[in-house]
Amino acid sequence: MSSGLASAIRPSLRDRDRQLSGSPHTPPFRHISSVHSSPGSGLFRSEEDPIIIELDPRYLCVGFQGESGPQCCLRFTPETNRRVGDFRSYLPGFKRRREDVKAKCSEYELWRADIRDVDLGLLEDILERAIREAYNKYLLVDAGSTRLILVLPSLMPLPVLDTVLTLLFGKWKYPSITLLPAPAMTVISAGMRSGLVVDIGWEETVVTAVYEYREVHVRRSTRAMRLLVCKVADFLESVRREQDESIRDALRLDFEFVEEFILRAGVCHALVPTEEEELARKTSSIELGTPEVKSEEEEDIPTTLQIDWPADNSSRPVSILRSALHNICLETLLGSKDNEYPDDHEQPIHLLVYNSLLSVSSDVRSICMSRIVFSGKQASSIRGLSQQVLRSANDLMNQHGWTAVRGKNFNSMRRGLVEMAQGRATPADARYHTALPTAGVPGEEQLLRQKTKPTVTTTFRQVESLGPWAAASLISSFKVRSLVEIDRERFFAHGLAGAHRDIDHSTVLPRTTTKAGEKVNWTLAGWG
């Protein structure tokens, strides 16, 4: 085969200098686009590309910039944090001890809001092992040679943040670390500039109003996944006690089983009722004096949930009422109707959303109402939860409006004010027969058309998001500078005060020299 025919068949193998030899050969340079290359291929990746780490109390996600998802998500569990060579759980005669699920929750989290009982040294060791595992098993690149982008929750204890930064700068040679807030990244990954982020996390549910990439209002509540795990564990314990004595002691009840049960039950709508189940429940409570006739849709709805409960050597089938699971989930996350005045730290999620929108200004509220984003890895598996929260928040808005005033006589006074305002209004004949202004001034027709447009009513609407990690990957690929960027040398010199803040990147600052020992103003922005 001649060289001309070979070059016609395989034109992609020609060199850039078009130096063709007489025989087929492998080119010395092969260019592979990062778009069509396999994800995570560190061989064809630039050494200057930063590494993106998303840190949460329950998991750690690590990956490269420019990709749609992380390479790995590592969870913090006792199994991953066991000693080297401890294989007791894999022995044939190993039997799990009965454990308190509430006390076991602390072993599945890296830190919590109350850090009085948190061992920061143990936190540093666990995080170091997780990062080394991510580099050695998944990333397969040199650690600490590039810039690091760290996606963190906007509410994080300063001692924990100090420990994390000290570990990253001390164990690896990162030149700088960029901090990005998770709520703003969640809004960006949804393709928006503003929105209301409802993060149903592990320990707390955080509702953050983001306006033009800035966090303008934050509210928190303890009604989150940890409380749901404890409530479901108590319910499963009562179900286990109702079983036969021959199999009662063999049924295993630990943290992993409860969390897996919530995951599986949430996917099949066993925790939050569907609209058909909610409608059937409301209609069944109404006594009309007629014989109850079930429709075909109501007959298709199962009343029990059949699960395979793991035992010592096998599994046992156990039936659980779906209505009991519905009541537990709704009372835990959305609160009961009897609790009319909850504490500030125990507000239901729908009330938290309503109060957050009520606290911001009217222009921010009108934008955030139709841009509500739900996040949270554990809560994303509970189908129908976000729709239930929005329906409950919409009912609050229809009942009270956008006013914080409550009382028995408030509704009657409001109706009186509305009637008084209608009585003082312009009569209908005079209102509709007013002469329109002439269009002699340029641009007056456009202003007139804008005034005659019907007003758009804002409603509650949910927007899907790709998550904070994807937004951080997108921002880093665009070379956008963050508000908080920590330099290695300045962090070792000043500690947490080494994070600097650039107010405006478009303006060119004058060249000034800093004298030795001169104090430079640094800040941690929202984390400080």
Protein backbone atom coordinates (compact mmCIF):
# COMPACT_ATOMS: atom_id res chain seq x y z
CA MET A 1 0.00 0.00 0.00
CA SER A 2 1.45 3.34 -0.99
CA SER A 3 1.92 6.24 1.36
CA GLY A 4 -0.73 8.32 -0.44
CA LEU A 5 -3.34 5.60 0.01
CA ALA A 6 -2.41 5.14 3.69
CA SER A 7 -2.73 8.85 4.34
CA ALA A 8 -6.12 8.90 2.64
CA ILE A 9 -7.41 6.01 4.73
CA ARG A 10 -6.08 7.29 8.06
CA PRO A 11 -5.76 11.07 7.78
CA SER A 12 -5.83 11.55 11.54
CA LEU A 13 -2.40 9.96 11.90
CA ARG A 14 -0.60 12.63 9.92
CA ASP A 15 1.80 14.78 11.83
CA ARG A 16 1.31 18.51 12.24
CA ASP A 17 4.44 19.16 10.20
CA ARG A 18 3.07 16.82 7.48
CA GLN A 19 6.32 14.82 7.44
CA LEU A 20 5.23 11.47 5.95
CA SER A 21 7.57 8.53 5.74
CA GLY A 22 7.42 5.75 3.21
CA SER A 23 5.93 3.21 5.67
CA PRO A 24 3.06 3.48 8.17
CA HIS A 25 4.21 4.82 11.50
CA THR A 26 2.86 6.05 14.82
CA PRO A 27 2.92 9.85 15.10
CA PRO A 28 5.10 11.27 17.89
CA PHE A 29 2.24 13.45 19.18
CA ARG A 30 -1.39 12.58 19.52
CA HIS A 31 -3.92 15.26 20.46
CA ILE A 32 -7.03 14.06 22.24
CA SER A 33 -9.75 16.53 23.06
CA SER A 34 -10.84 16.63 26.66
CA VAL A 35 -14.46 16.64 25.48
CA HIS A 36 -14.20 13.26 23.73
CA SER A 37 -11.67 11.68 26.08
CA SER A 38 -12.60 9.31 28.86
CA PRO A 39 -13.47 11.01 32.16
CA GLY A 40 -10.73 11.12 34.68
CA SER A 41 -7.93 10.33 32.25
CA GLY A 42 -5.05 11.91 34.09
CA LEU A 43 -2.56 11.03 31.31
CA PHE A 44 -4.00 13.62 28.90
CA ARG A 45 -4.87 16.19 31.54
CA SER A 46 -3.03 19.42 32.08
CA GLU A 47 -1.00 19.51 35.27
CA GLU A 48 -2.33 22.97 36.08
CA ASP A 49 -5.98 21.91 36.22
CA PRO A 50 -7.27 22.30 39.78
CA ILE A 51 -8.78 19.53 41.89
CA ILE A 52 -12.32 20.07 43.19
CA ILE A 53 -13.32 18.69 46.60
CA GLU A 54 -16.82 18.93 48.03
CA LEU A 55 -16.81 18.39 51.78
CA ASP A 56 -19.86 17.54 53.85
CA PRO A 57 -20.29 16.04 57.34
CA ARG A 58 -21.30 12.73 55.72
CA TYR A 59 -19.28 12.42 52.50
CA LEU A 60 -16.34 13.65 50.43
CA CYS A 61 -16.59 14.12 46.63
CA VAL A 62 -13.39 14.59 44.60
CA GLY A 63 -12.86 15.14 40.88
CA PHE A 64 -11.29 17.20 38.10
CA GLN A 65 -12.43 20.51 36.66
CA GLY A 66 -14.49 20.57 33.48
CA GLU A 67 -16.34 17.34 34.25
CA SER A 68 -20.03 16.96 34.99
CA GLY A 69 -19.56 14.81 38.08
CA PRO A 70 -16.91 13.81 40.62
CA GLN A 71 -14.69 10.79 40.22
CA CYS A 72 -15.65 9.40 43.63
CA CYS A 73 -17.88 10.08 46.62
CA LEU A 74 -16.52 8.61 49.85
CA ARG A 75 -18.73 8.29 52.90
CA PHE A 76 -17.48 8.61 56.46
CA THR A 77 -18.40 5.32 58.16
CA PRO A 78 -16.84 3.18 60.92
CA GLU A 79 -16.02 0.55 58.27
CA THR A 80 -13.82 2.93 56.29
CA ASN A 81 -12.20 4.27 59.46
CA ARG A 82 -11.30 0.95 61.06
CA ARG A 83 -7.74 0.03 61.98
CA VAL A 84 -5.44 -1.56 59.43
CA GLY A 85 -5.75 -5.36 59.63
CA ASP A 86 -9.04 -5.36 61.54
CA PHE A 87 -11.11 -7.96 59.66
CA ARG A 88 -13.36 -9.09 62.51
CA SER A 89 -16.54 -8.22 60.64
CA TYR A 90 -15.60 -10.64 57.84
CA LEU A 91 -15.06 -13.69 60.07
CA PRO A 92 -17.65 -16.51 59.75
CA GLY A 93 -18.59 -16.49 63.44
CA PHE A 94 -18.86 -12.72 63.74
CA LYS A 95 -22.13 -11.56 65.28
CA ARG A 96 -23.17 -7.93 65.37
CA ARG A 97 -23.96 -6.53 68.75
CA ARG A 98 -27.11 -4.61 69.44
CA GLU A 99 -26.42 -0.93 69.18
CA ASP A 100 -28.22 2.27 69.93
CA VAL A 101 -28.88 4.00 66.60
CA LYS A 102 -28.98 7.47 68.18
CA ALA A 103 -25.57 6.98 69.79
CA LYS A 104 -24.19 5.42 66.60
CA CYS A 105 -25.02 8.47 64.48
CA SER A 106 -21.90 10.30 65.68
CA GLU A 107 -19.67 7.63 64.09
CA TYR A 108 -21.10 8.31 60.63
CA GLU A 109 -20.39 12.05 60.56
CA LEU A 110 -17.16 14.00 60.30
CA TRP A 111 -18.30 16.94 62.42
CA ARG A 112 -21.48 18.48 63.80
CA ALA A 113 -22.69 21.93 64.76
CA ASP A 114 -21.93 21.44 68.46
CA ILE A 115 -18.19 20.75 68.40
CA ARG A 116 -17.67 20.56 72.15
CA ASP A 117 -17.44 16.76 71.96
CA VAL A 118 -15.71 16.62 68.54
CA ASP A 119 -12.12 15.37 68.53
CA LEU A 120 -10.38 17.60 65.98
CA GLY A 121 -7.34 15.32 65.89
CA LEU A 122 -9.49 12.34 64.94
CA LEU A 123 -11.27 14.50 62.38
CA GLU A 124 -7.93 15.35 60.81
CA ASP A 125 -6.89 11.68 60.62
CA ILE A 126 -10.19 10.55 59.07
CA LEU A 127 -10.12 13.31 56.47
CA GLU A 128 -6.49 12.63 55.60
CA ARG A 129 -7.22 8.94 54.99
CA ALA A 130 -10.20 9.79 52.78
CA ILE A 131 -8.23 12.27 50.65
CA ARG A 132 -5.32 9.85 50.23
CA GLU A 133 -7.73 7.10 49.19
CA ALA A 134 -9.32 9.42 46.62
CA TYR A 135 -5.94 10.31 45.12
CA ASN A 136 -4.49 6.79 45.13
CA LYS A 137 -7.55 4.87 43.90
CA TYR A 138 -9.54 7.28 41.75
CA LEU A 139 -7.66 10.42 40.69
CA LEU A 140 -4.25 8.78 40.10
CA VAL A 141 -2.39 12.11 39.98
CA ASP A 142 0.21 13.77 42.16
CA ALA A 143 -1.41 15.26 45.23
CA GLY A 144 -0.78 18.88 46.09
CA SER A 145 0.82 19.98 42.82
CA THR A 146 -2.15 22.02 41.56
CA ARG A 147 -4.60 24.53 42.92
CA LEU A 148 -7.42 23.18 45.09
CA ILE A 149 -11.07 24.27 45.01
CA LEU A 150 -12.98 23.44 48.18
CA VAL A 151 -16.80 23.50 48.17
CA LEU A 152 -18.05 23.91 51.74
CA PRO A 153 -21.36 24.57 53.48
CA SER A 154 -21.93 28.24 54.16
CA LEU A 155 -22.38 27.48 57.88
CA MET A 156 -19.27 25.74 59.19
CA PRO A 157 -17.53 25.96 62.59
CA LEU A 158 -14.30 27.93 62.43
CA PRO A 159 -12.24 25.31 64.37
CA VAL A 160 -13.28 22.68 61.82
CA LEU A 161 -12.39 25.00 58.93
CA ASP A 162 -9.03 25.76 60.53
CA THR A 163 -8.33 22.03 60.96
CA VAL A 164 -9.24 21.27 57.33
CA LEU A 165 -7.05 24.05 55.92
CA THR A 166 -4.13 23.16 58.19
CA LEU A 167 -4.34 19.55 57.03
CA LEU A 168 -4.48 20.41 53.32
CA PHE A 169 -1.63 22.91 53.49
CA GLY A 170 0.47 20.85 55.89
CA LYS A 171 0.25 17.38 54.32
CA TRP A 172 0.25 18.50 50.68
CA LYS A 173 1.89 21.39 48.85
CA TYR A 174 -1.14 23.16 47.45
CA PRO A 175 -0.14 26.67 46.29
CA SER A 176 -3.60 28.06 47.07
CA ILE A 177 -7.06 26.92 48.12
CA THR A 178 -10.26 28.50 46.85
CA LEU A 179 -13.41 28.34 48.98
CA LEU A 180 -16.83 28.24 47.32
CA PRO A 181 -20.19 28.23 49.17
CA ALA A 182 -22.43 25.27 48.44
CA PRO A 183 -25.79 27.20 48.24
CA ALA A 184 -24.53 29.61 45.59
CA MET A 185 -23.02 26.71 43.64
CA THR A 186 -26.36 24.89 43.76
CA VAL A 187 -28.10 27.90 42.20
CA ILE A 188 -25.43 28.22 39.51
CA SER A 189 -25.67 24.54 38.57
CA ALA A 190 -29.40 25.07 38.03
CA GLY A 191 -28.60 27.76 35.44
CA MET A 192 -29.79 30.71 37.52
CA ARG A 193 -28.43 33.79 39.26
CA SER A 194 -30.96 33.87 42.09
CA GLY A 195 -33.01 31.29 43.92
CA LEU A 196 -34.05 29.75 47.22
CA VAL A 197 -31.93 26.73 48.20
CA VAL A 198 -33.56 24.23 50.58
CA ASP A 199 -30.73 21.98 51.74
CA ILE A 200 -32.20 19.05 53.70
CA GLY A 201 -28.90 17.95 55.17
CA TRP A 202 -27.86 15.43 57.77
CA GLU A 203 -28.06 17.45 60.98
CA GLU A 204 -29.85 20.61 59.86
CA THR A 205 -32.12 21.86 57.13
CA VAL A 206 -30.73 25.16 55.85
CA VAL A 207 -32.84 27.48 53.69
CA THR A 208 -30.70 30.09 51.91
CA ALA A 209 -31.98 32.94 49.74
CA VAL A 210 -29.43 33.68 47.00
CA TYR A 211 -29.83 36.92 45.03
CA GLU A 212 -27.37 37.70 42.23
CA TYR A 213 -24.93 35.03 43.47
CA ARG A 214 -25.01 36.45 47.03
CA GLU A 215 -26.52 34.91 50.13
CA VAL A 216 -28.97 37.45 51.51
CA HIS A 217 -30.83 35.39 54.12
CA VAL A 218 -30.25 32.08 55.95
CA ARG A 219 -32.53 30.10 58.27
CA ARG A 220 -31.91 26.74 59.93
CA SER A 221 -33.90 23.97 61.56
CA THR A 222 -33.04 20.67 63.24
CA ARG A 223 -35.71 18.81 61.27
CA ALA A 224 -33.36 16.93 58.97
CA MET A 225 -32.26 13.40 58.08
CA ARG A 226 -30.64 12.62 61.41
CA LEU A 227 -33.90 13.21 63.25
CA LEU A 228 -35.73 11.11 60.65
CA VAL A 229 -33.26 8.23 61.09
CA CYS A 230 -33.81 8.26 64.86
CA LYS A 231 -37.61 8.34 64.51
CA VAL A 232 -37.64 5.51 61.97
CA ALA A 233 -35.28 3.48 64.17
CA ASP A 234 -37.69 3.80 67.10
CA PHE A 235 -40.58 2.74 64.86
CA LEU A 236 -38.69 -0.30 63.53
CA GLU A 237 -37.81 -1.26 67.10
CA SER A 238 -41.51 -1.29 67.98
CA VAL A 239 -42.22 -3.40 64.88
CA ARG A 240 -39.48 -5.84 65.88
CA ARG A 241 -40.96 -6.25 69.34
CA GLU A 242 -44.33 -7.16 67.83
CA GLN A 243 -42.85 -10.13 65.97
CA ASP A 244 -42.85 -13.70 67.21
CA GLU A 245 -40.44 -14.51 70.02
CA SER A 246 -38.71 -17.15 67.90
CA ILE A 247 -37.47 -14.58 65.35
CA ARG A 248 -37.48 -11.40 67.45
CA ASP A 249 -33.93 -11.73 68.74
CA ALA A 250 -32.57 -12.78 65.35
CA LEU A 251 -33.70 -9.60 63.55
CA ARG A 252 -30.85 -7.15 63.12
CA LEU A 253 -31.44 -3.45 63.75
CA ASP A 254 -28.48 -1.12 63.28
CA PHE A 255 -27.70 2.22 61.67
CA GLU A 256 -26.89 0.82 58.23
CA PHE A 257 -30.15 -1.12 58.04
CA VAL A 258 -32.22 1.92 59.07
CA GLU A 259 -30.53 4.16 56.52
CA GLU A 260 -30.97 1.59 53.76
CA PHE A 261 -34.61 1.16 54.75
CA ILE A 262 -35.19 4.92 54.42
CA LEU A 263 -33.50 4.89 51.01
CA ARG A 264 -35.58 2.00 49.67
CA ALA A 265 -38.85 3.13 51.24
CA GLY A 266 -38.38 6.70 50.03
CA VAL A 267 -37.92 5.61 46.43
CA CYS A 268 -41.23 3.69 46.37
CA HIS A 269 -43.27 6.54 47.99
CA ALA A 270 -43.58 4.70 51.29
CA LEU A 271 -42.44 7.70 53.38
CA VAL A 272 -44.37 10.53 51.72
CA PRO A 273 -47.87 9.81 50.39
CA THR A 274 -48.69 10.46 46.76
CA GLU A 275 -51.48 12.81 45.69
CA GLU A 276 -53.85 9.86 45.18
CA GLU A 277 -53.12 8.52 48.67
CA GLU A 278 -53.54 11.98 50.20
CA LEU A 279 -56.86 12.46 48.40
CA ALA A 280 -58.05 9.01 49.45
CA ARG A 281 -57.14 9.73 53.07
CA LYS A 282 -59.02 13.04 53.08
CA THR A 283 -62.13 11.59 51.45
CA SER A 284 -62.18 8.60 53.79
CA SER A 285 -62.24 10.92 56.81
CA ILE A 286 -65.46 12.57 55.60
CA GLU A 287 -68.56 10.74 56.84
CA LEU A 288 -71.31 11.12 54.25
CA GLY A 289 -73.63 8.42 55.59
CA THR A 290 -73.33 6.37 52.41
CA PRO A 291 -71.70 2.93 52.08
CA GLU A 292 -68.01 3.24 51.31
CA VAL A 293 -67.21 2.30 47.71
CA LYS A 294 -63.56 2.22 46.74
CA SER A 295 -62.52 3.23 43.26
CA GLU A 296 -60.11 1.28 41.09
CA GLU A 297 -57.26 3.70 41.86
CA GLU A 298 -57.79 3.31 45.62
CA GLU A 299 -57.84 -0.46 45.31
CA ASP A 300 -54.50 -0.42 43.47
CA ILE A 301 -52.80 1.53 46.31
CA PRO A 302 -51.08 -0.95 48.66
CA THR A 303 -51.67 -0.46 52.37
CA THR A 304 -48.62 -2.38 53.61
CA LEU A 305 -44.95 -2.50 52.73
CA GLN A 306 -43.29 -5.91 52.56
CA ILE A 307 -39.57 -5.89 53.42
CA ASP A 308 -36.91 -8.55 53.90
CA TRP A 309 -35.59 -7.88 57.39
CA PRO A 310 -31.97 -9.09 57.70
CA ALA A 311 -31.37 -11.66 60.40
CA ASP A 312 -28.26 -13.42 61.70
CA ASN A 313 -28.08 -16.02 58.92
CA SER A 314 -30.81 -15.01 56.46
CA SER A 315 -33.71 -12.55 56.12
CA ARG A 316 -37.32 -12.66 57.30
CA PRO A 317 -40.34 -11.10 55.53
CA VAL A 318 -42.01 -8.42 57.65
CA SER A 319 -45.07 -6.30 56.79
CA ILE A 320 -45.18 -2.61 57.76
CA LEU A 321 -48.12 -0.24 57.45
CA ARG A 322 -47.52 2.53 54.93
CA SER A 323 -49.77 4.93 56.82
CA ALA A 324 -47.56 4.65 59.91
CA LEU A 325 -44.47 5.49 57.83
CA HIS A 326 -46.30 8.45 56.27
CA ASN A 327 -47.18 9.86 59.68
CA ILE A 328 -43.62 9.47 60.99
CA CYS A 329 -42.01 11.20 58.00
CA LEU A 330 -44.52 14.04 57.81
CA GLU A 331 -44.47 14.72 61.55
CA THR A 332 -40.67 14.65 61.62
CA LEU A 333 -39.97 16.93 58.66
CA LEU A 334 -43.18 18.94 58.29
CA GLY A 335 -44.34 18.96 61.91
CA SER A 336 -47.66 18.01 63.45
CA LYS A 337 -50.77 20.16 63.32
CA ASP A 338 -50.97 20.29 67.12
CA ASN A 339 -47.63 22.08 67.39
CA GLU A 340 -48.85 25.52 66.35
CA TYR A 341 -45.97 27.53 67.86
CA PRO A 342 -42.70 25.60 67.38
CA ASP A 343 -39.34 26.82 68.59
CA ASP A 344 -37.11 28.69 66.18
CA HIS A 345 -34.68 25.78 65.84
CA GLU A 346 -37.50 23.22 65.39
CA GLN A 347 -39.52 24.88 62.66
CA PRO A 348 -41.00 22.57 59.99
CA ILE A 349 -39.46 22.76 56.55
CA HIS A 350 -42.47 24.36 54.84
CA LEU A 351 -42.70 26.99 57.61
CA LEU A 352 -38.97 27.59 57.25
CA VAL A 353 -39.42 28.21 53.51
CA TYR A 354 -42.36 30.56 54.13
CA ASN A 355 -40.55 32.56 56.83
CA SER A 356 -37.44 32.84 54.67
CA LEU A 357 -39.44 34.33 51.80
CA LEU A 358 -41.29 36.56 54.26
CA SER A 359 -38.04 37.95 55.68
CA VAL A 360 -36.55 39.09 52.36
CA SER A 361 -37.62 42.10 50.33
CA SER A 362 -40.46 41.93 47.83
CA ASP A 363 -38.25 41.94 44.72
CA VAL A 364 -36.07 39.13 46.07
CA ARG A 365 -39.19 37.21 47.11
CA SER A 366 -40.78 37.47 43.68
CA ILE A 367 -37.65 36.04 42.07
CA CYS A 368 -36.96 33.30 44.61
CA MET A 369 -40.55 31.99 44.76
CA SER A 370 -40.37 30.54 41.26
CA ARG A 371 -36.76 29.35 41.68
CA ILE A 372 -36.77 26.94 44.63
CA VAL A 373 -34.01 24.31 44.55
CA PHE A 374 -33.99 21.28 46.84
CA SER A 375 -30.63 19.70 47.63
CA GLY A 376 -29.27 17.04 49.94
CA LYS A 377 -27.95 13.61 49.00
CA GLN A 378 -29.88 11.71 51.67
CA ALA A 379 -33.19 13.53 51.17
CA SER A 380 -33.10 13.30 47.37
CA SER A 381 -34.20 9.66 47.57
CA ILE A 382 -37.48 10.55 49.34
CA ARG A 383 -39.90 10.89 46.44
CA GLY A 384 -42.62 13.48 46.82
CA LEU A 385 -41.01 15.35 49.71
CA SER A 386 -40.27 18.52 47.75
CA GLN A 387 -43.80 18.62 46.29
CA GLN A 388 -45.29 18.18 49.76
CA VAL A 389 -43.16 21.04 51.13
CA LEU A 390 -44.21 23.36 48.31
CA ARG A 391 -47.89 22.49 48.73
CA SER A 392 -47.74 23.19 52.47
CA ALA A 393 -45.88 26.48 51.91
CA ASN A 394 -48.45 27.49 49.29
CA ASP A 395 -51.26 26.80 51.77
CA LEU A 396 -49.56 29.08 54.29
CA MET A 397 -49.27 31.83 51.69
CA ASN A 398 -52.95 31.53 50.74
CA GLN A 399 -53.99 31.58 54.38
CA HIS A 400 -51.88 34.43 55.76
CA GLY A 401 -50.48 36.24 52.73
CA TRP A 402 -47.11 37.97 52.94
CA THR A 403 -47.55 39.52 56.37
CA ALA A 404 -46.16 38.50 59.72
CA VAL A 405 -49.16 39.80 61.69
CA ARG A 406 -51.27 37.08 63.30
CA GLY A 407 -54.32 37.29 65.55
CA LYS A 408 -58.03 36.61 65.90
CA ASN A 409 -59.18 40.08 64.85
CA PHE A 410 -56.60 40.59 62.12
CA ASN A 411 -58.66 38.97 59.34
CA SER A 412 -61.72 41.08 60.09
CA MET A 413 -59.64 44.25 60.24
CA ARG A 414 -57.98 43.36 56.95
CA ARG A 415 -61.34 42.83 55.27
CA GLY A 416 -62.47 46.21 56.60
CA LEU A 417 -59.39 47.92 55.21
CA VAL A 418 -59.94 46.28 51.82
CA GLU A 419 -63.56 47.46 51.72
CA MET A 420 -62.49 50.96 52.73
CA ALA A 421 -59.87 51.04 49.99
CA GLN A 422 -62.42 49.86 47.43
CA GLY A 423 -64.86 52.56 48.53
CA ARG A 424 -62.27 55.31 48.05
CA ALA A 425 -61.19 53.98 44.68
CA THR A 426 -62.02 55.74 41.42
CA PRO A 427 -65.40 54.80 39.96
CA ALA A 428 -65.38 52.30 37.14
CA ASP A 429 -66.75 54.72 34.54
CA ALA A 430 -64.08 57.31 35.24
CA ARG A 431 -61.41 54.65 35.40
CA TYR A 432 -61.97 53.15 31.98
CA HIS A 433 -62.87 56.30 30.03
CA THR A 434 -59.77 58.28 30.83
CA ALA A 435 -58.06 59.70 27.79
CA LEU A 436 -54.82 58.00 26.86
CA PRO A 437 -51.79 60.25 26.40
CA THR A 438 -50.64 60.94 22.90
CA ALA A 439 -47.60 59.20 21.53
CA GLY A 440 -45.75 62.30 20.52
CA VAL A 441 -42.74 61.76 22.75
CA PRO A 442 -40.28 59.07 21.49
CA GLY A 443 -40.51 55.91 23.53
CA GLU A 444 -43.88 56.77 25.04
CA GLU A 445 -45.65 54.02 23.08
CA GLN A 446 -43.28 51.42 24.50
CA LEU A 447 -43.85 52.66 28.05
CA LEU A 448 -47.60 52.61 27.46
CA ARG A 449 -47.47 49.02 26.23
CA GLN A 450 -45.46 47.99 29.28
CA LYS A 451 -48.05 49.53 31.61
CA THR A 452 -50.94 47.76 29.89
CA LYS A 453 -49.32 44.32 30.13
CA PRO A 454 -51.04 41.96 32.57
CA THR A 455 -49.15 41.33 35.78
CA VAL A 456 -47.51 37.94 36.12
CA THR A 457 -48.46 36.16 39.33
CA THR A 458 -45.56 34.39 41.00
CA THR A 459 -46.12 30.85 42.21
CA PHE A 460 -44.03 28.25 43.99
CA ARG A 461 -41.98 26.33 41.46
CA GLN A 462 -39.21 23.78 41.88
CA VAL A 463 -36.07 23.85 39.74
CA GLU A 464 -33.74 20.90 39.32
CA SER A 465 -30.02 21.35 39.93
CA LEU A 466 -26.90 19.37 39.11
CA GLY A 467 -25.42 19.97 42.54
CA PRO A 468 -22.69 22.22 43.95
CA TRP A 469 -19.82 20.09 42.64
CA ALA A 470 -20.88 20.52 39.00
CA ALA A 471 -21.11 24.30 39.42
CA ALA A 472 -17.63 24.45 40.96
CA SER A 473 -16.31 22.44 38.01
CA LEU A 474 -17.96 24.85 35.58
CA ILE A 475 -16.67 27.96 37.33
CA SER A 476 -13.11 26.64 37.58
CA SER A 477 -13.05 25.81 33.86
CA PHE A 478 -13.99 29.43 33.11
CA LYS A 479 -11.06 30.67 35.26
CA VAL A 480 -13.40 32.72 37.43
CA ARG A 481 -11.80 33.97 40.63
CA SER A 482 -13.58 33.37 43.90
CA LEU A 483 -14.28 35.81 46.69
CA VAL A 484 -12.20 33.75 49.14
CA GLU A 485 -8.81 32.54 47.96
CA ILE A 486 -6.23 31.42 50.50
CA ASP A 487 -2.53 31.51 49.71
CA ARG A 488 -0.25 28.93 51.27
CA GLU A 489 2.43 31.24 52.64
CA ARG A 490 -0.03 33.79 53.96
CA PHE A 491 -2.09 31.10 55.68
CA PHE A 492 0.98 29.86 57.55
CA ALA A 493 1.78 33.47 58.47
CA HIS A 494 -1.69 34.68 59.52
CA GLY A 495 -3.84 31.56 60.01
CA LEU A 496 -7.49 31.93 59.06
CA ALA A 497 -6.91 35.64 58.41
CA GLY A 498 -4.86 34.70 55.35
CA ALA A 499 -7.91 34.56 53.07
CA HIS A 500 -8.14 37.68 50.96
CA ARG A 501 -11.15 39.25 49.33
CA ASP A 502 -11.21 41.03 45.96
CA ILE A 503 -14.09 43.47 45.79
CA ASP A 504 -13.84 44.21 42.08
CA HIS A 505 -11.67 42.22 39.71
CA SER A 506 -12.26 44.55 36.77
CA THR A 507 -10.48 47.51 38.29
CA VAL A 508 -6.71 47.68 38.01
CA LEU A 509 -5.11 48.34 41.36
CA PRO A 510 -2.03 50.57 41.51
CA ARG A 511 1.28 48.86 42.07
CA THR A 512 2.25 49.36 45.68
CA THR A 513 4.90 47.62 47.66
CA THR A 514 4.11 46.15 51.06
CA LYS A 515 6.69 46.68 53.73
CA ALA A 516 7.89 43.88 55.94
CA GLY A 517 5.71 43.51 59.00
CA GLU A 518 2.93 45.63 57.54
CA LYS A 519 -0.51 44.25 58.44
CA VAL A 520 -2.70 43.38 55.47
CA ASN A 521 -6.48 43.20 55.86
CA TRP A 522 -7.84 39.71 55.13
CA THR A 523 -11.24 38.18 55.63
CA LEU A 524 -13.03 34.87 55.23
CA ALA A 525 -16.17 36.48 53.75
CA GLY A 526 -19.21 34.44 54.80
CA TRP A 527 -17.20 31.89 56.79
CA GLY A 528 -15.74 34.53 59.11
